[in-house]
Amino acid sequence: MDSGTGAGADGPNYVEATQKSLTVLRYLKEHGPATLSEIASGTDSAKSTVYRHLQTLEEAGYLVETDDGYRIGQLYLDYGIEAQRSHPLYEVGKPKVDALAEKVGEKVWLVVEENGYAVYLYLHSGEELYRSFTRVGYRGHLHAFSAGKAILAQMSKSEVNAIIDRRGLPAYTDQTITDPKTLFAELDRIRQQGYALHLNEAVDGGNAIGVPIQHEDGSPAGSICVAGPAHRLNESYLRDELSDLLLGTKNEIELSMRYEA
């Protein structure tokens, strides 16, 4: 499990029991519903240990035991809605994303950075149907997505290097940028043109364009992107038509952030 925690001079600076519970929860999110035996095997843990964590989590409402095994409880739906609505970019960005999606007829995402990942905060789908693996709440590596690259381009080199060191540059497809030098050259281009593209970089057959949402000091608050199938969102369409629409929406969101703060 990628905990993002480290060890200090006196030992780990995290609670081991909490880490184990989180490991169980993550396993169920990715593989559930699952039985006690499956969870123990999948997390490389003793059944007796996993059972105690399952009982504790179920009593607190985080898990539910069903005929098919344990699954994530609906309590997380309440947490998820609160996490979404409490983000400062959500309320100001949502109506602008809705309007852009109705105009272009494609999926429009509101994306933020958290703990070195791109987090998909909000989605409005236009009339064109396109099923993708991303969803509200999805966390992906910043370098593989237009929305993520738009955010990275507004960070300092040291900040980007810190994210690379922590999260790596894994390949999603054979077009994903996996070399730091190539990535920094790409980020330079994004800053110059004002928008980022991913062309078959996050998923084969899928393209997207993203622009950063910035605070007054230029630091990234998040990004918005339009995503769809490559045959519909080809590179020339992204650059020649959607870029201006996205940049206009970016300006509207940034003005709203400034005057509604």
Protein backbone atom coordinates (compact mmCIF):
# COMPACT_ATOMS: atom_id res chain seq x y z
CA MET A 1 0.00 0.00 0.00
CA ASP A 2 1.26 3.47 -0.85
CA SER A 3 0.92 5.14 2.53
CA GLY A 4 3.04 8.22 1.90
CA THR A 5 4.52 7.83 5.38
CA GLY A 6 8.10 7.51 6.46
CA ALA A 7 10.22 6.45 9.38
CA GLY A 8 11.91 8.76 11.81
CA ALA A 9 14.93 8.16 14.03
CA ASP A 10 12.80 6.46 16.66
CA GLY A 11 10.89 4.25 14.25
CA PRO A 12 7.81 4.55 12.02
CA ASN A 13 5.84 7.74 12.45
CA TYR A 14 2.52 6.02 11.77
CA VAL A 15 0.24 3.67 13.71
CA GLU A 16 0.71 0.13 12.46
CA ALA A 17 -2.82 -0.99 13.34
CA THR A 18 -4.28 1.94 11.41
CA GLN A 19 -2.10 1.05 8.44
CA LYS A 20 -3.45 -2.50 8.51
CA SER A 21 -7.06 -1.28 8.58
CA LEU A 22 -6.36 1.01 5.64
CA THR A 23 -4.76 -1.87 3.76
CA VAL A 24 -7.92 -3.93 4.27
CA LEU A 25 -10.11 -1.05 3.14
CA ARG A 26 -8.04 -0.44 0.03
CA TYR A 27 -8.12 -4.14 -0.86
CA LEU A 28 -11.91 -4.17 -0.61
CA LYS A 29 -12.22 -0.99 -2.67
CA GLU A 30 -10.17 -2.56 -5.44
CA HIS A 31 -11.25 -6.22 -5.20
CA GLY A 32 -14.41 -6.45 -3.10
CA PRO A 33 -16.69 -7.95 -2.18
CA ALA A 34 -14.29 -10.50 -0.73
CA THR A 35 -14.27 -13.18 1.95
CA LEU A 36 -12.05 -13.25 5.02
CA SER A 37 -9.77 -15.82 3.35
CA GLU A 38 -9.48 -13.73 0.18
CA ILE A 39 -8.67 -10.57 2.11
CA ALA A 40 -6.07 -12.32 4.26
CA SER A 41 -4.42 -13.81 1.20
CA GLY A 42 -4.61 -10.56 -0.79
CA THR A 43 -3.08 -8.50 2.00
CA ASP A 44 -0.55 -11.16 3.08
CA SER A 45 -1.97 -11.18 6.60
CA ALA A 46 -3.10 -13.72 9.16
CA LYS A 47 -6.82 -14.49 9.16
CA SER A 48 -7.09 -13.77 12.89
CA THR A 49 -5.56 -10.31 12.40
CA VAL A 50 -7.76 -9.47 9.42
CA TYR A 51 -10.86 -10.71 11.24
CA ARG A 52 -10.30 -8.27 14.13
CA HIS A 53 -9.90 -5.38 11.70
CA LEU A 54 -13.00 -6.42 9.76
CA GLN A 55 -15.09 -6.59 12.93
CA THR A 56 -13.88 -3.18 14.08
CA LEU A 57 -14.50 -1.56 10.70
CA GLU A 58 -17.93 -3.17 10.34
CA GLU A 59 -19.02 -2.04 13.80
CA ALA A 60 -18.00 1.53 12.90
CA GLY A 61 -19.97 1.38 9.64
CA TYR A 62 -17.06 1.40 7.22
CA LEU A 63 -17.70 -2.15 6.00
CA VAL A 64 -20.74 -4.36 5.44
CA GLU A 65 -20.76 -8.16 5.43
CA THR A 66 -22.95 -9.65 2.69
CA ASP A 67 -23.54 -13.14 1.26
CA ASP A 68 -20.70 -12.46 -1.19
CA GLY A 69 -18.27 -11.26 1.47
CA TYR A 70 -17.26 -7.91 2.88
CA ARG A 71 -17.66 -4.70 0.91
CA ILE A 72 -17.13 -0.99 1.48
CA GLY A 73 -20.03 0.53 3.43
CA GLN A 74 -22.26 3.36 2.27
CA LEU A 75 -20.83 5.54 5.03
CA TYR A 76 -18.10 6.34 2.50
CA LEU A 77 -20.72 7.86 0.21
CA ASP A 78 -21.39 10.45 2.90
CA TYR A 79 -17.67 11.08 3.34
CA GLY A 80 -17.15 11.30 -0.41
CA ILE A 81 -19.89 13.88 -0.92
CA GLU A 82 -18.49 15.97 1.93
CA ALA A 83 -14.93 15.68 0.56
CA GLN A 84 -16.12 16.85 -2.85
CA ARG A 85 -18.27 19.73 -1.64
CA SER A 86 -15.72 20.98 0.88
CA HIS A 87 -13.01 21.50 -1.72
CA PRO A 88 -12.77 25.25 -2.43
CA LEU A 89 -12.71 24.74 -6.19
CA TYR A 90 -15.92 22.69 -6.32
CA GLU A 91 -18.58 25.35 -5.76
CA VAL A 92 -16.94 27.94 -7.99
CA GLY A 93 -15.97 25.50 -10.74
CA LYS A 94 -19.10 23.34 -10.98
CA PRO A 95 -21.42 25.78 -12.84
CA LYS A 96 -18.66 26.66 -15.31
CA VAL A 97 -17.92 23.00 -15.99
CA ASP A 98 -21.65 22.35 -16.49
CA ALA A 99 -21.93 25.18 -19.00
CA LEU A 100 -18.87 24.08 -20.97
CA ALA A 101 -20.03 20.46 -21.13
CA GLU A 102 -23.40 21.53 -22.52
CA LYS A 103 -21.62 23.64 -25.13
CA VAL A 104 -19.09 21.07 -26.37
CA GLY A 105 -21.16 17.93 -25.81
CA GLU A 106 -18.23 16.02 -24.25
CA LYS A 107 -17.07 15.00 -20.79
CA VAL A 108 -15.68 17.94 -18.86
CA TRP A 109 -13.74 17.28 -15.68
CA LEU A 110 -12.72 19.43 -12.74
CA VAL A 111 -9.42 18.08 -11.40
CA VAL A 112 -7.26 18.92 -8.39
CA GLU A 113 -3.87 17.78 -7.10
CA GLU A 114 -3.69 15.99 -3.78
CA ASN A 115 -0.73 14.08 -2.35
CA GLY A 116 0.99 14.03 -5.72
CA TYR A 117 -1.96 12.62 -7.65
CA ALA A 118 -4.55 14.06 -10.02
CA VAL A 119 -7.93 13.69 -8.29
CA TYR A 120 -11.07 13.86 -10.44
CA LEU A 121 -13.31 16.11 -8.36
CA TYR A 122 -16.35 16.68 -10.57
CA LEU A 123 -17.74 15.57 -13.94
CA HIS A 124 -20.43 16.84 -16.27
CA SER A 125 -21.06 14.76 -19.40
CA GLY A 126 -22.36 16.30 -22.58
CA GLU A 127 -24.67 14.56 -25.03
CA GLU A 128 -21.89 12.51 -26.68
CA LEU A 129 -21.49 9.10 -25.03
CA TYR A 130 -17.97 8.06 -24.03
CA ARG A 131 -17.21 5.51 -21.35
CA SER A 132 -13.85 5.96 -19.65
CA PHE A 133 -12.02 4.35 -16.74
CA THR A 134 -11.84 7.66 -14.89
CA ARG A 135 -14.65 8.49 -12.50
CA VAL A 136 -15.39 11.06 -9.80
CA GLY A 137 -12.89 10.32 -7.04
CA TYR A 138 -10.40 8.63 -9.38
CA ARG A 139 -6.74 9.28 -8.57
CA GLY A 140 -4.22 9.11 -11.40
CA HIS A 141 -0.61 10.05 -11.97
CA LEU A 142 -0.35 13.69 -12.95
CA HIS A 143 2.09 13.19 -15.84
CA ALA A 144 -0.22 10.88 -17.83
CA PHE A 145 -3.24 13.19 -18.10
CA SER A 146 -3.74 16.60 -19.71
CA ALA A 147 -5.37 17.88 -16.52
CA GLY A 148 -2.44 16.67 -14.46
CA LYS A 149 0.19 18.08 -16.79
CA ALA A 150 -1.59 21.44 -16.76
CA ILE A 151 -1.22 21.46 -12.98
CA LEU A 152 2.41 20.31 -13.02
CA ALA A 153 3.30 23.07 -15.49
CA GLN A 154 2.42 25.68 -12.85
CA MET A 155 4.66 24.13 -10.19
CA SER A 156 8.34 24.80 -9.56
CA LYS A 157 10.92 22.32 -10.82
CA SER A 158 11.64 21.22 -7.25
CA GLU A 159 7.93 20.57 -6.63
CA VAL A 160 7.65 18.48 -9.79
CA ASN A 161 10.80 16.54 -8.91
CA ALA A 162 9.40 15.82 -5.46
CA ILE A 163 6.24 14.35 -7.04
CA ILE A 164 8.31 12.29 -9.48
CA ASP A 165 10.42 10.94 -6.61
CA ARG A 166 7.31 10.05 -4.62
CA ARG A 167 4.95 8.76 -7.32
CA GLY A 168 7.21 7.87 -10.25
CA LEU A 169 6.39 8.18 -13.94
CA PRO A 170 4.62 4.90 -14.75
CA ALA A 171 3.45 4.15 -18.28
CA TYR A 172 -0.29 3.98 -18.87
CA THR A 173 0.21 3.34 -22.60
CA ASP A 174 3.23 3.25 -24.88
CA GLN A 175 2.67 6.98 -25.50
CA THR A 176 2.93 8.04 -21.84
CA ILE A 177 5.88 10.27 -20.99
CA THR A 178 8.11 8.30 -18.62
CA ASP A 179 11.36 10.28 -18.88
CA PRO A 180 11.81 13.30 -16.56
CA LYS A 181 13.75 15.32 -19.15
CA THR A 182 11.00 14.80 -21.72
CA LEU A 183 8.36 15.70 -19.15
CA PHE A 184 10.05 18.99 -18.23
CA ALA A 185 10.30 19.92 -21.92
CA GLU A 186 6.58 19.18 -22.24
CA LEU A 187 5.78 21.33 -19.21
CA ASP A 188 7.70 24.22 -20.79
CA ARG A 189 5.54 23.92 -23.92
CA ILE A 190 2.38 23.84 -21.82
CA ARG A 191 3.32 27.06 -20.04
CA GLN A 192 3.99 28.76 -23.36
CA GLN A 193 0.75 27.70 -25.09
CA GLY A 194 -1.48 27.82 -22.01
CA TYR A 195 -2.95 24.32 -22.31
CA ALA A 196 -1.93 20.66 -22.09
CA LEU A 197 -2.84 17.68 -24.26
CA HIS A 198 -2.76 13.98 -23.79
CA LEU A 199 -2.94 12.01 -27.02
CA ASN A 200 -3.34 8.29 -26.32
CA GLU A 201 -1.15 8.82 -23.24
CA ALA A 202 -3.60 7.86 -20.51
CA VAL A 203 -5.62 5.31 -22.47
CA ASP A 204 -5.34 3.98 -26.01
CA GLY A 205 -7.86 5.71 -28.24
CA GLY A 206 -8.52 8.57 -25.82
CA ASN A 207 -7.49 12.22 -26.12
CA ALA A 208 -7.98 15.24 -23.87
CA ILE A 209 -7.09 18.89 -23.42
CA GLY A 210 -6.62 20.56 -20.05
CA VAL A 211 -5.93 24.06 -18.76
CA PRO A 212 -4.79 25.11 -15.28
CA ILE A 213 -6.90 27.02 -12.80
CA GLN A 214 -4.54 29.37 -10.97
CA HIS A 215 -4.51 31.45 -7.83
CA GLU A 216 -3.58 35.11 -8.11
CA ASP A 217 0.07 34.24 -7.39
CA GLY A 218 0.13 31.81 -10.32
CA SER A 219 0.14 28.62 -8.24
CA PRO A 220 -2.24 25.87 -9.38
CA ALA A 221 -5.66 25.52 -7.74
CA GLY A 222 -6.58 22.70 -10.11
CA SER A 223 -7.51 22.28 -13.76
CA ILE A 224 -10.36 21.59 -16.14
CA CYS A 225 -10.22 19.25 -19.10
CA VAL A 226 -12.34 17.96 -21.96
CA ALA A 227 -11.85 14.26 -22.73
CA GLY A 228 -13.20 11.92 -25.37
CA PRO A 229 -12.38 9.39 -28.07
CA ALA A 230 -9.45 10.22 -30.34
CA HIS A 231 -11.52 9.96 -33.52
CA ARG A 232 -13.77 12.77 -32.28
CA LEU A 233 -11.24 14.82 -30.32
CA ASN A 234 -8.34 14.80 -32.75
CA GLU A 235 -5.32 17.00 -32.14
CA SER A 236 -6.30 19.78 -34.53
CA TYR A 237 -9.79 20.05 -33.00
CA LEU A 238 -8.31 20.19 -29.50
CA ARG A 239 -5.83 22.90 -30.44
CA ASP A 240 -7.86 24.98 -32.86
CA GLU A 241 -11.30 24.98 -31.23
CA LEU A 242 -11.41 23.57 -27.71
CA SER A 243 -8.35 25.41 -26.42
CA ASP A 244 -10.03 28.83 -26.71
CA LEU A 245 -13.22 27.57 -25.06
CA LEU A 246 -11.28 26.07 -22.18
CA LEU A 247 -9.15 29.16 -21.69
CA GLY A 248 -12.31 31.26 -21.57
CA THR A 249 -13.79 29.00 -18.90
CA LYS A 250 -10.51 29.12 -16.99
CA ASN A 251 -10.70 32.92 -16.90
CA GLU A 252 -14.30 32.84 -15.65
CA ILE A 253 -13.43 30.44 -12.84
CA GLU A 254 -10.40 32.45 -11.79
CA LEU A 255 -12.42 35.66 -11.70
CA SER A 256 -15.08 33.94 -9.60
CA MET A 257 -12.41 32.66 -7.21
CA ARG A 258 -11.02 36.15 -6.83
CA TYR A 259 -14.29 37.93 -6.16
CA GLU A 260 -16.11 35.24 -4.22
CA ALA A 261 -13.25 34.59 -1.79
